[in-house]
């Protein structure tokens, strides 16, 4: 299905889970084709840590080239997102278990979490693209909290390796455009939990 997000400003909040970045950037390329304006926000770790999956500077450069916007990388830069109404919708992709747990408990100590807090004050939708090794462990309660929180929506997710990592779940990022379309109408795409990847 082809989506038209012309005139929509979509924030993209990058947190850890660097192993999912290639899929995230593929999804963003698809979103760019919809006519949306994309605004990247990076957590401190996402903006500064290098890993075997790539260098932080390369990810920043790639986000800058894709969106045409300078990534937001500090809490003071993220705070005006709400007051200025900079986003129609914010997607945290990937959303780690750490970010998920803080969001569920009202903690806003990273640029992405501050972006979420600031954005939600406007009663606009926030989408979570989950990627965590403890979704069926300590973070299950936080998933439950956020599933029941106004204006928060999930990209459908499932177990990515139930034999080696039975508690791990990740989002089906190919469903990001459809999830955004639903969330812009304040609807949760269904089903939320799907068969393993």
N, C-alpha and C. Protein backbone atom coordinates (compact mmCIF):
# COMPACT_ATOMS: atom_id res chain seq x y z
N UNK A 1 0.84 -1.19 0.00
CA UNK A 1 0.00 0.00 0.00
C UNK A 1 0.88 1.25 0.00
N UNK A 2 0.44 2.27 -0.74
CA UNK A 2 1.18 3.53 -0.79
C UNK A 2 0.54 4.53 0.17
N UNK A 3 1.38 5.18 0.96
CA UNK A 3 0.89 6.16 1.94
C UNK A 3 1.30 7.56 1.53
N UNK A 4 0.45 8.53 1.83
CA UNK A 4 0.74 9.92 1.54
C UNK A 4 0.78 10.70 2.85
N UNK A 5 1.99 11.03 3.29
CA UNK A 5 2.17 11.82 4.50
C UNK A 5 2.66 13.22 4.16
N UNK A 6 2.32 13.69 2.96
CA UNK A 6 2.70 15.02 2.53
C UNK A 6 2.20 16.05 3.55
N UNK A 7 3.11 16.93 3.96
CA UNK A 7 2.75 17.97 4.92
C UNK A 7 2.82 17.54 6.37
N UNK A 8 3.11 16.26 6.62
CA UNK A 8 3.22 15.76 7.99
C UNK A 8 4.69 15.80 8.44
N UNK A 9 4.88 16.23 9.66
CA UNK A 9 6.22 16.22 10.27
C UNK A 9 6.32 15.02 11.19
N UNK A 10 7.24 14.11 10.87
CA UNK A 10 7.40 12.88 11.64
C UNK A 10 8.75 12.91 12.34
N UNK A 11 8.75 12.90 13.66
CA UNK A 11 9.98 12.82 14.43
C UNK A 11 10.43 11.38 14.53
N UNK A 12 11.74 11.16 14.46
CA UNK A 12 12.31 9.82 14.59
C UNK A 12 13.32 9.84 15.73
N UNK A 13 13.00 9.15 16.81
CA UNK A 13 13.88 9.10 17.97
C UNK A 13 14.73 7.83 17.96
N UNK A 14 16.03 8.01 17.81
CA UNK A 14 16.96 6.88 17.81
C UNK A 14 17.47 6.64 19.23
N UNK A 15 17.31 5.41 19.72
CA UNK A 15 17.97 5.02 20.97
C UNK A 15 18.94 3.90 20.63
N UNK A 16 19.37 3.12 21.61
CA UNK A 16 20.39 2.08 21.37
C UNK A 16 19.89 0.98 20.44
N UNK A 17 20.17 -0.27 20.73
CA UNK A 17 19.79 -1.39 19.87
C UNK A 17 20.31 -1.17 18.45
N UNK A 18 21.62 -0.96 18.37
CA UNK A 18 22.26 -0.62 17.10
C UNK A 18 22.09 -1.71 16.04
N UNK A 19 21.85 -2.94 16.48
CA UNK A 19 21.69 -4.05 15.54
C UNK A 19 20.46 -3.88 14.65
N UNK A 20 19.53 -3.00 15.04
CA UNK A 20 18.31 -2.80 14.25
C UNK A 20 18.40 -1.58 13.33
N UNK A 21 19.50 -0.84 13.37
CA UNK A 21 19.57 0.43 12.65
C UNK A 21 19.39 0.27 11.14
N UNK A 22 19.92 -0.81 10.58
CA UNK A 22 19.81 -0.97 9.13
C UNK A 22 18.34 -1.09 8.72
N UNK A 23 17.57 -1.85 9.50
CA UNK A 23 16.14 -1.97 9.22
C UNK A 23 15.42 -0.64 9.43
N UNK A 24 15.84 0.10 10.46
CA UNK A 24 15.22 1.40 10.74
C UNK A 24 15.46 2.36 9.59
N UNK A 25 16.69 2.42 9.11
CA UNK A 25 16.99 3.34 8.00
C UNK A 25 16.25 2.92 6.73
N UNK A 26 16.08 1.62 6.51
CA UNK A 26 15.29 1.17 5.36
C UNK A 26 13.85 1.68 5.48
N UNK A 27 13.30 1.60 6.70
CA UNK A 27 11.93 2.07 6.93
C UNK A 27 11.84 3.58 6.74
N UNK A 28 12.88 4.30 7.13
CA UNK A 28 12.88 5.76 6.98
C UNK A 28 12.96 6.15 5.51
N UNK A 29 13.71 5.38 4.74
CA UNK A 29 13.77 5.63 3.30
C UNK A 29 12.37 5.52 2.69
N UNK A 30 11.62 4.53 3.15
CA UNK A 30 10.26 4.35 2.66
C UNK A 30 9.37 5.51 3.11
N UNK A 31 9.54 5.94 4.36
CA UNK A 31 8.75 7.07 4.86
C UNK A 31 9.04 8.34 4.08
N UNK A 32 10.31 8.54 3.72
CA UNK A 32 10.69 9.72 2.96
C UNK A 32 9.93 9.79 1.64
N UNK A 33 9.66 8.62 1.05
CA UNK A 33 8.96 8.57 -0.23
C UNK A 33 7.49 8.97 -0.11
N UNK A 34 6.98 9.04 1.11
CA UNK A 34 5.57 9.40 1.31
C UNK A 34 5.36 10.91 1.31
N UNK A 35 6.45 11.67 1.24
CA UNK A 35 6.34 13.13 1.27
C UNK A 35 6.45 13.73 2.65
N UNK A 36 6.66 12.89 3.66
CA UNK A 36 6.77 13.39 5.03
C UNK A 36 8.06 14.16 5.24
N UNK A 37 8.01 15.10 6.17
CA UNK A 37 9.21 15.79 6.65
C UNK A 37 9.69 15.03 7.88
N UNK A 38 10.93 14.56 7.87
CA UNK A 38 11.46 13.76 8.97
C UNK A 38 12.43 14.57 9.81
N UNK A 39 12.27 14.49 11.13
CA UNK A 39 13.14 15.22 12.06
C UNK A 39 13.80 14.21 13.01
N UNK A 40 15.13 13.99 12.89
CA UNK A 40 15.79 13.00 13.73
C UNK A 40 16.18 13.52 15.12
N UNK A 41 16.01 12.67 16.11
CA UNK A 41 16.43 12.95 17.49
C UNK A 41 17.24 11.75 17.96
N UNK A 42 18.43 11.99 18.51
CA UNK A 42 19.30 10.92 18.98
C UNK A 42 19.50 11.01 20.49
N UNK A 43 19.42 9.86 21.16
CA UNK A 43 19.83 9.82 22.57
C UNK A 43 21.33 10.04 22.64
N UNK A 44 21.84 10.34 23.84
CA UNK A 44 23.29 10.55 23.98
C UNK A 44 24.06 9.32 23.54
N UNK A 45 23.59 8.15 23.94
CA UNK A 45 24.28 6.91 23.57
C UNK A 45 24.24 6.69 22.06
N UNK A 46 23.09 6.90 21.46
CA UNK A 46 22.97 6.72 20.02
C UNK A 46 23.88 7.69 19.26
N UNK A 47 24.07 8.87 19.84
CA UNK A 47 24.86 9.91 19.16
C UNK A 47 26.36 9.80 19.40
N UNK A 48 26.77 8.98 20.37
CA UNK A 48 28.19 8.98 20.75
C UNK A 48 28.86 7.62 20.79
N UNK A 49 28.09 6.54 20.89
CA UNK A 49 28.70 5.22 21.04
C UNK A 49 28.91 4.53 19.70
N UNK A 50 30.10 3.98 19.51
CA UNK A 50 30.39 3.15 18.35
C UNK A 50 30.21 1.69 18.75
N UNK A 51 29.82 0.85 17.79
CA UNK A 51 29.64 -0.57 18.07
C UNK A 51 30.04 -1.36 16.84
N UNK A 52 29.95 -2.69 16.95
CA UNK A 52 30.28 -3.52 15.81
C UNK A 52 29.28 -3.35 14.67
N UNK A 53 28.17 -2.65 14.95
CA UNK A 53 27.16 -2.43 13.92
C UNK A 53 27.35 -1.10 13.19
N UNK A 54 28.34 -0.31 13.65
CA UNK A 54 28.61 0.95 12.96
C UNK A 54 29.06 2.05 13.90
N UNK A 55 29.51 3.15 13.33
CA UNK A 55 30.00 4.30 14.10
C UNK A 55 28.89 5.33 14.27
N UNK A 56 28.83 5.93 15.45
CA UNK A 56 27.79 6.90 15.75
C UNK A 56 27.80 8.07 14.76
N UNK A 57 28.99 8.54 14.39
CA UNK A 57 29.07 9.67 13.47
C UNK A 57 28.50 9.31 12.11
N UNK A 58 28.72 8.07 11.69
CA UNK A 58 28.16 7.62 10.42
C UNK A 58 26.63 7.60 10.46
N UNK A 59 26.06 7.18 11.62
CA UNK A 59 24.61 7.17 11.76
C UNK A 59 24.05 8.59 11.77
N UNK A 60 24.74 9.50 12.46
CA UNK A 60 24.31 10.90 12.46
C UNK A 60 24.34 11.48 11.05
N UNK A 61 25.43 11.19 10.34
CA UNK A 61 25.57 11.70 8.97
C UNK A 61 24.49 11.11 8.06
N UNK A 62 24.19 9.85 8.26
CA UNK A 62 23.18 9.20 7.42
C UNK A 62 21.79 9.79 7.69
N UNK A 63 21.49 10.04 8.97
CA UNK A 63 20.21 10.66 9.32
C UNK A 63 20.12 12.07 8.75
N UNK A 64 21.21 12.80 8.82
CA UNK A 64 21.26 14.17 8.29
C UNK A 64 21.03 14.17 6.78
N UNK A 65 21.69 13.25 6.08
CA UNK A 65 21.56 13.19 4.62
C UNK A 65 20.14 12.76 4.22
N UNK A 66 19.56 11.83 4.96
CA UNK A 66 18.24 11.31 4.62
C UNK A 66 17.14 12.34 4.87
N UNK A 67 17.25 13.05 5.98
CA UNK A 67 16.17 13.96 6.39
C UNK A 67 16.38 15.40 5.94
N UNK A 68 17.64 15.75 5.67
CA UNK A 68 17.93 17.14 5.36
C UNK A 68 17.87 18.03 6.58
N UNK A 69 17.85 17.44 7.77
CA UNK A 69 17.75 18.18 9.03
C UNK A 69 18.93 17.83 9.94
N UNK A 70 19.33 18.79 10.74
CA UNK A 70 20.37 18.55 11.73
C UNK A 70 19.76 17.76 12.88
N UNK A 71 20.33 16.59 13.23
CA UNK A 71 19.76 15.80 14.32
C UNK A 71 19.78 16.54 15.65
N UNK A 72 18.72 16.40 16.41
CA UNK A 72 18.65 16.90 17.79
C UNK A 72 19.40 15.91 18.66
N UNK A 73 20.37 16.41 19.44
CA UNK A 73 21.22 15.51 20.23
C UNK A 73 21.33 15.92 21.70
N UNK A 74 20.60 16.94 22.12
CA UNK A 74 20.67 17.37 23.52
C UNK A 74 19.27 17.59 24.07
N UNK A 75 19.15 17.53 25.39
CA UNK A 75 17.86 17.76 26.05
C UNK A 75 17.37 19.19 25.80
N UNK A 76 18.21 20.23 25.91
CA UNK A 76 17.71 21.58 25.62
C UNK A 76 17.19 21.75 24.19
N UNK A 77 17.80 21.05 23.23
CA UNK A 77 17.32 21.12 21.85
C UNK A 77 15.96 20.43 21.70
N UNK A 78 15.73 19.40 22.51
CA UNK A 78 14.48 18.62 22.40
C UNK A 78 13.32 19.28 23.13
N UNK A 79 13.58 20.06 24.14
CA UNK A 79 12.51 20.62 24.98
C UNK A 79 11.50 21.46 24.20
N UNK A 80 11.91 22.28 23.20
CA UNK A 80 10.93 23.12 22.48
C UNK A 80 10.03 22.37 21.51
N UNK A 81 10.23 21.06 21.33
CA UNK A 81 9.43 20.30 20.36
C UNK A 81 7.94 20.46 20.62
N UNK A 82 7.54 20.37 21.88
CA UNK A 82 6.13 20.53 22.22
C UNK A 82 5.64 21.96 22.10
N UNK A 83 6.30 22.91 22.78
CA UNK A 83 5.84 24.30 22.70
C UNK A 83 5.76 24.84 21.28
N UNK A 84 6.67 24.40 20.42
CA UNK A 84 6.67 24.89 19.04
C UNK A 84 5.86 24.01 18.09
N UNK A 85 5.32 22.90 18.62
CA UNK A 85 4.51 22.00 17.80
C UNK A 85 5.26 21.49 16.58
N UNK A 86 6.51 21.03 16.79
CA UNK A 86 7.37 20.68 15.66
C UNK A 86 7.02 19.37 14.98
N UNK A 87 6.25 18.50 15.64
CA UNK A 87 5.97 17.18 15.08
C UNK A 87 4.48 16.88 15.11
N UNK A 88 3.99 16.26 14.04
CA UNK A 88 2.63 15.74 14.06
C UNK A 88 2.60 14.40 14.77
N UNK A 89 3.70 13.66 14.67
CA UNK A 89 3.81 12.34 15.29
C UNK A 89 5.29 12.07 15.56
N UNK A 90 5.57 11.39 16.65
CA UNK A 90 6.94 11.02 17.00
C UNK A 90 7.04 9.51 17.06
N UNK A 91 8.07 8.97 16.42
CA UNK A 91 8.33 7.53 16.43
C UNK A 91 9.65 7.29 17.15
N UNK A 92 9.66 6.46 18.18
CA UNK A 92 10.92 6.05 18.80
C UNK A 92 11.31 4.72 18.17
N UNK A 93 12.37 4.77 17.35
CA UNK A 93 12.75 3.60 16.57
C UNK A 93 14.26 3.55 16.38
N UNK A 94 14.93 2.61 17.00
CA UNK A 94 14.36 1.58 17.87
C UNK A 94 14.13 2.11 19.28
N UNK A 95 13.19 1.50 19.98
CA UNK A 95 12.96 1.84 21.38
C UNK A 95 13.49 0.69 22.24
N UNK A 96 14.57 0.96 22.96
CA UNK A 96 15.18 -0.06 23.81
C UNK A 96 14.35 -0.29 25.07
N UNK A 97 14.66 -1.36 25.78
CA UNK A 97 14.01 -1.63 27.05
C UNK A 97 14.28 -0.53 28.07
N UNK A 98 15.47 0.03 28.04
CA UNK A 98 15.83 1.10 28.96
C UNK A 98 14.94 2.33 28.72
N UNK A 99 14.81 2.72 27.44
CA UNK A 99 13.97 3.86 27.11
C UNK A 99 12.51 3.57 27.42
N UNK A 100 12.07 2.36 27.10
CA UNK A 100 10.70 1.94 27.37
C UNK A 100 10.36 2.07 28.85
N UNK A 101 11.26 1.57 29.72
CA UNK A 101 11.00 1.59 31.15
C UNK A 101 10.97 3.02 31.70
N UNK A 102 11.85 3.86 31.19
CA UNK A 102 11.85 5.26 31.63
C UNK A 102 10.59 5.99 31.17
N UNK A 103 10.19 5.74 29.94
CA UNK A 103 8.99 6.38 29.42
C UNK A 103 7.77 5.98 30.25
N UNK A 104 7.68 4.70 30.59
CA UNK A 104 6.55 4.21 31.38
C UNK A 104 6.53 4.80 32.79
N UNK A 105 7.68 5.26 33.26
CA UNK A 105 7.77 5.79 34.63
C UNK A 105 8.01 7.29 34.67
N UNK A 106 7.78 7.96 33.55
CA UNK A 106 7.82 9.42 33.53
C UNK A 106 9.20 10.02 33.65
N UNK A 107 10.23 9.30 33.25
CA UNK A 107 11.60 9.82 33.32
C UNK A 107 11.99 10.38 31.95
N UNK A 108 12.56 11.59 31.95
CA UNK A 108 12.92 12.22 30.67
C UNK A 108 14.35 12.75 30.72
N UNK A 109 15.30 11.83 30.87
CA UNK A 109 16.69 12.22 31.07
C UNK A 109 17.57 12.00 29.83
N UNK A 110 16.95 11.85 28.66
CA UNK A 110 17.70 11.79 27.40
C UNK A 110 16.99 12.68 26.38
N UNK A 111 17.65 13.07 25.30
CA UNK A 111 16.98 13.89 24.29
C UNK A 111 15.72 13.23 23.73
N UNK A 112 15.75 11.91 23.51
CA UNK A 112 14.59 11.22 22.96
C UNK A 112 13.43 11.22 23.96
N UNK A 113 13.72 10.97 25.23
CA UNK A 113 12.67 10.98 26.24
C UNK A 113 12.12 12.38 26.46
N UNK A 114 12.98 13.39 26.41
CA UNK A 114 12.49 14.77 26.51
C UNK A 114 11.62 15.11 25.30
N UNK A 115 12.04 14.64 24.11
CA UNK A 115 11.23 14.85 22.91
C UNK A 115 9.84 14.24 23.09
N UNK A 116 9.80 13.01 23.64
CA UNK A 116 8.53 12.33 23.86
C UNK A 116 7.66 13.09 24.85
N UNK A 117 8.25 13.50 25.96
CA UNK A 117 7.50 14.24 26.98
C UNK A 117 6.96 15.55 26.40
N UNK A 118 7.82 16.26 25.69
CA UNK A 118 7.43 17.55 25.14
C UNK A 118 6.35 17.39 24.07
N UNK A 119 6.49 16.36 23.25
CA UNK A 119 5.54 16.09 22.17
C UNK A 119 4.17 15.68 22.72
N UNK A 120 4.15 14.83 23.75
CA UNK A 120 2.90 14.31 24.29
C UNK A 120 2.05 15.39 24.95
N UNK A 121 2.68 16.48 25.35
CA UNK A 121 1.90 17.57 25.98
C UNK A 121 0.87 18.14 25.02
N UNK A 122 1.09 17.93 23.71
CA UNK A 122 0.18 18.45 22.70
C UNK A 122 -0.91 17.45 22.31
N UNK A 123 -0.99 16.33 23.06
CA UNK A 123 -1.97 15.28 22.76
C UNK A 123 -1.83 14.75 21.33
N UNK A 124 -0.58 14.64 20.89
CA UNK A 124 -0.30 14.09 19.58
C UNK A 124 0.29 12.69 19.74
N UNK A 125 0.16 11.84 18.72
CA UNK A 125 0.55 10.43 18.87
C UNK A 125 2.05 10.18 18.94
N UNK A 126 2.39 9.21 19.77
CA UNK A 126 3.76 8.70 19.91
C UNK A 126 3.74 7.22 19.56
N UNK A 127 4.64 6.83 18.66
CA UNK A 127 4.73 5.43 18.22
C UNK A 127 6.01 4.81 18.75
N UNK A 128 5.90 3.59 19.26
CA UNK A 128 7.05 2.85 19.79
C UNK A 128 7.36 1.68 18.87
N UNK A 129 8.60 1.64 18.39
CA UNK A 129 9.10 0.50 17.61
C UNK A 129 10.07 -0.26 18.51
N UNK A 130 9.55 -1.26 19.15
CA UNK A 130 10.24 -1.96 20.24
C UNK A 130 11.43 -2.80 19.78
N UNK A 131 12.47 -2.82 20.61
CA UNK A 131 13.59 -3.73 20.41
C UNK A 131 14.27 -3.94 21.76
N UNK A 132 13.92 -5.03 22.42
CA UNK A 132 14.47 -5.27 23.75
C UNK A 132 14.58 -6.76 24.05
N UNK A 133 15.65 -7.14 24.72
CA UNK A 133 15.88 -8.53 25.10
C UNK A 133 15.04 -8.97 26.30
N UNK A 134 14.38 -8.01 26.98
CA UNK A 134 13.61 -8.40 28.16
C UNK A 134 12.14 -7.99 28.05
N UNK A 135 11.61 -8.02 26.82
CA UNK A 135 10.19 -7.68 26.63
C UNK A 135 9.27 -8.62 27.40
N UNK A 136 9.64 -9.89 27.48
CA UNK A 136 8.84 -10.86 28.22
C UNK A 136 9.43 -11.13 29.60
N UNK A 137 10.30 -10.23 30.04
CA UNK A 137 10.89 -10.31 31.38
C UNK A 137 10.49 -9.09 32.18
N UNK A 138 11.49 -8.36 32.69
CA UNK A 138 11.23 -7.21 33.55
C UNK A 138 10.44 -6.10 32.84
N UNK A 139 10.54 -6.02 31.53
CA UNK A 139 9.88 -4.92 30.82
C UNK A 139 8.45 -5.23 30.40
N UNK A 140 7.97 -6.44 30.64
CA UNK A 140 6.60 -6.76 30.23
C UNK A 140 5.59 -5.84 30.91
N UNK A 141 5.84 -5.52 32.18
CA UNK A 141 4.90 -4.63 32.90
C UNK A 141 4.90 -3.24 32.27
N UNK A 142 6.06 -2.79 31.77
CA UNK A 142 6.13 -1.46 31.16
C UNK A 142 5.44 -1.43 29.80
N UNK A 143 5.53 -2.52 29.06
CA UNK A 143 4.78 -2.63 27.81
C UNK A 143 3.28 -2.52 28.12
N UNK A 144 2.84 -3.22 29.17
CA UNK A 144 1.43 -3.16 29.56
C UNK A 144 1.00 -1.75 29.93
N UNK A 145 1.85 -1.05 30.66
CA UNK A 145 1.54 0.34 31.05
C UNK A 145 1.37 1.21 29.81
N UNK A 146 2.32 1.09 28.88
CA UNK A 146 2.30 1.97 27.72
C UNK A 146 1.21 1.60 26.72
N UNK A 147 0.86 0.32 26.63
CA UNK A 147 -0.26 -0.08 25.78
C UNK A 147 -1.57 0.55 26.26
N UNK A 148 -1.61 0.87 27.53
CA UNK A 148 -2.83 1.44 28.13
C UNK A 148 -2.70 2.93 28.39
N UNK A 149 -1.72 3.57 27.74
CA UNK A 149 -1.49 5.01 27.94
C UNK A 149 -1.99 5.80 26.74
N UNK A 150 -2.72 6.85 27.01
CA UNK A 150 -3.30 7.68 25.96
C UNK A 150 -2.23 8.21 25.00
N UNK A 151 -2.54 8.14 23.71
CA UNK A 151 -1.70 8.69 22.63
C UNK A 151 -0.41 7.93 22.37
N UNK A 152 -0.25 6.74 22.96
CA UNK A 152 0.93 5.92 22.69
C UNK A 152 0.50 4.66 21.94
N UNK A 153 1.22 4.38 20.85
CA UNK A 153 0.88 3.27 19.96
C UNK A 153 2.14 2.45 19.66
N UNK A 154 1.95 1.19 19.36
CA UNK A 154 3.07 0.29 19.11
C UNK A 154 3.08 -0.19 17.66
N UNK A 155 4.28 -0.23 17.07
CA UNK A 155 4.48 -1.00 15.86
C UNK A 155 4.33 -2.47 16.27
N UNK A 156 3.58 -3.27 15.54
CA UNK A 156 3.44 -4.68 15.92
C UNK A 156 4.80 -5.35 16.14
N UNK A 157 4.87 -6.21 17.14
CA UNK A 157 6.15 -6.83 17.50
C UNK A 157 5.97 -8.31 17.81
N UNK A 158 7.10 -9.04 17.78
CA UNK A 158 7.07 -10.46 18.08
C UNK A 158 8.43 -10.93 18.54
N UNK A 159 8.49 -12.17 19.01
CA UNK A 159 9.76 -12.74 19.44
C UNK A 159 10.68 -12.92 18.24
N UNK A 160 11.90 -12.44 18.35
CA UNK A 160 12.83 -12.50 17.23
C UNK A 160 13.74 -13.72 17.27
N UNK A 161 13.87 -14.35 18.44
CA UNK A 161 14.71 -15.55 18.55
C UNK A 161 14.27 -16.30 19.82
N UNK A 162 13.12 -16.96 19.74
CA UNK A 162 12.52 -17.55 20.94
C UNK A 162 13.30 -18.72 21.51
N UNK A 163 14.20 -19.31 20.72
CA UNK A 163 14.99 -20.42 21.24
C UNK A 163 16.19 -19.93 22.03
N UNK A 164 16.94 -19.00 21.47
CA UNK A 164 18.15 -18.51 22.15
C UNK A 164 17.86 -17.37 23.11
N UNK A 165 16.83 -16.54 22.78
CA UNK A 165 16.49 -15.38 23.61
C UNK A 165 14.98 -15.33 23.79
N UNK A 166 14.43 -16.20 24.64
CA UNK A 166 12.97 -16.31 24.74
C UNK A 166 12.25 -15.06 25.24
N UNK A 167 12.95 -14.14 25.90
CA UNK A 167 12.31 -12.92 26.40
C UNK A 167 12.40 -11.76 25.42
N UNK A 168 13.13 -11.95 24.32
CA UNK A 168 13.41 -10.86 23.39
C UNK A 168 12.27 -10.67 22.38
N UNK A 169 11.93 -9.40 22.14
CA UNK A 169 10.93 -9.08 21.12
C UNK A 169 11.37 -7.84 20.35
N UNK A 170 11.09 -7.82 19.06
CA UNK A 170 11.40 -6.67 18.23
C UNK A 170 10.22 -6.35 17.32
N UNK A 171 10.18 -5.11 16.88
CA UNK A 171 9.08 -4.65 16.03
C UNK A 171 9.26 -5.10 14.59
N UNK A 172 8.15 -5.23 13.90
CA UNK A 172 8.14 -5.47 12.46
C UNK A 172 8.21 -4.10 11.78
N UNK A 173 9.44 -3.63 11.56
CA UNK A 173 9.61 -2.25 11.08
C UNK A 173 8.99 -2.02 9.70
N UNK A 174 8.77 -3.08 8.95
CA UNK A 174 8.13 -2.91 7.65
C UNK A 174 6.68 -2.43 7.79
N UNK A 175 6.14 -2.53 9.01
CA UNK A 175 4.78 -2.07 9.27
C UNK A 175 4.75 -0.63 9.81
N UNK A 176 5.89 0.04 9.81
CA UNK A 176 5.95 1.40 10.36
C UNK A 176 5.01 2.37 9.63
N UNK A 177 4.99 2.43 8.29
CA UNK A 177 4.07 3.36 7.64
C UNK A 177 2.60 3.11 7.99
N UNK A 178 2.21 1.83 8.01
CA UNK A 178 0.82 1.50 8.35
C UNK A 178 0.51 1.87 9.79
N UNK A 179 1.48 1.64 10.69
CA UNK A 179 1.29 2.00 12.10
C UNK A 179 1.12 3.50 12.24
N UNK A 180 1.94 4.27 11.54
CA UNK A 180 1.86 5.73 11.60
C UNK A 180 0.52 6.21 11.06
N UNK A 181 0.07 5.61 9.96
CA UNK A 181 -1.22 6.00 9.39
C UNK A 181 -2.35 5.79 10.40
N UNK A 182 -2.33 4.66 11.09
CA UNK A 182 -3.34 4.38 12.12
C UNK A 182 -3.21 5.35 13.29
N UNK A 183 -1.98 5.55 13.75
CA UNK A 183 -1.75 6.40 14.93
C UNK A 183 -2.14 7.84 14.67
N UNK A 184 -1.95 8.33 13.44
CA UNK A 184 -2.37 9.70 13.11
C UNK A 184 -3.89 9.85 13.24
N UNK A 185 -4.60 8.73 13.17
CA UNK A 185 -6.04 8.72 13.40
C UNK A 185 -6.38 8.21 14.80
N UNK A 186 -5.36 8.17 15.67
CA UNK A 186 -5.51 7.75 17.07
C UNK A 186 -6.08 6.33 17.17
N UNK A 187 -5.55 5.45 16.33
CA UNK A 187 -5.93 4.04 16.36
C UNK A 187 -4.68 3.17 16.45
N UNK A 188 -4.78 2.08 17.21
CA UNK A 188 -3.69 1.11 17.32
C UNK A 188 -3.84 0.07 16.23
N UNK A 189 -2.82 -0.08 15.38
CA UNK A 189 -2.83 -1.13 14.37
C UNK A 189 -2.95 -2.48 15.08
N UNK A 190 -3.68 -3.40 14.48
CA UNK A 190 -3.90 -4.72 15.06
C UNK A 190 -3.52 -5.81 14.05
N UNK A 191 -3.15 -7.01 14.52
CA UNK A 191 -2.83 -7.32 15.91
C UNK A 191 -1.50 -6.73 16.33
N UNK A 192 -1.35 -6.45 17.60
CA UNK A 192 -0.14 -5.83 18.13
C UNK A 192 0.99 -6.86 18.24
N UNK A 193 0.67 -8.03 18.79
CA UNK A 193 1.67 -9.08 18.96
C UNK A 193 1.46 -10.13 17.88
N UNK A 194 2.53 -10.41 17.13
CA UNK A 194 2.42 -11.30 15.98
C UNK A 194 3.37 -12.48 16.10
N UNK A 195 3.25 -13.41 15.18
CA UNK A 195 4.10 -14.59 15.19
C UNK A 195 5.57 -14.22 15.14
N UNK A 196 6.44 -15.11 15.60
CA UNK A 196 7.88 -14.81 15.61
C UNK A 196 8.39 -14.43 14.23
N UNK A 197 9.46 -13.63 14.24
CA UNK A 197 10.10 -13.22 12.98
C UNK A 197 10.67 -14.45 12.27
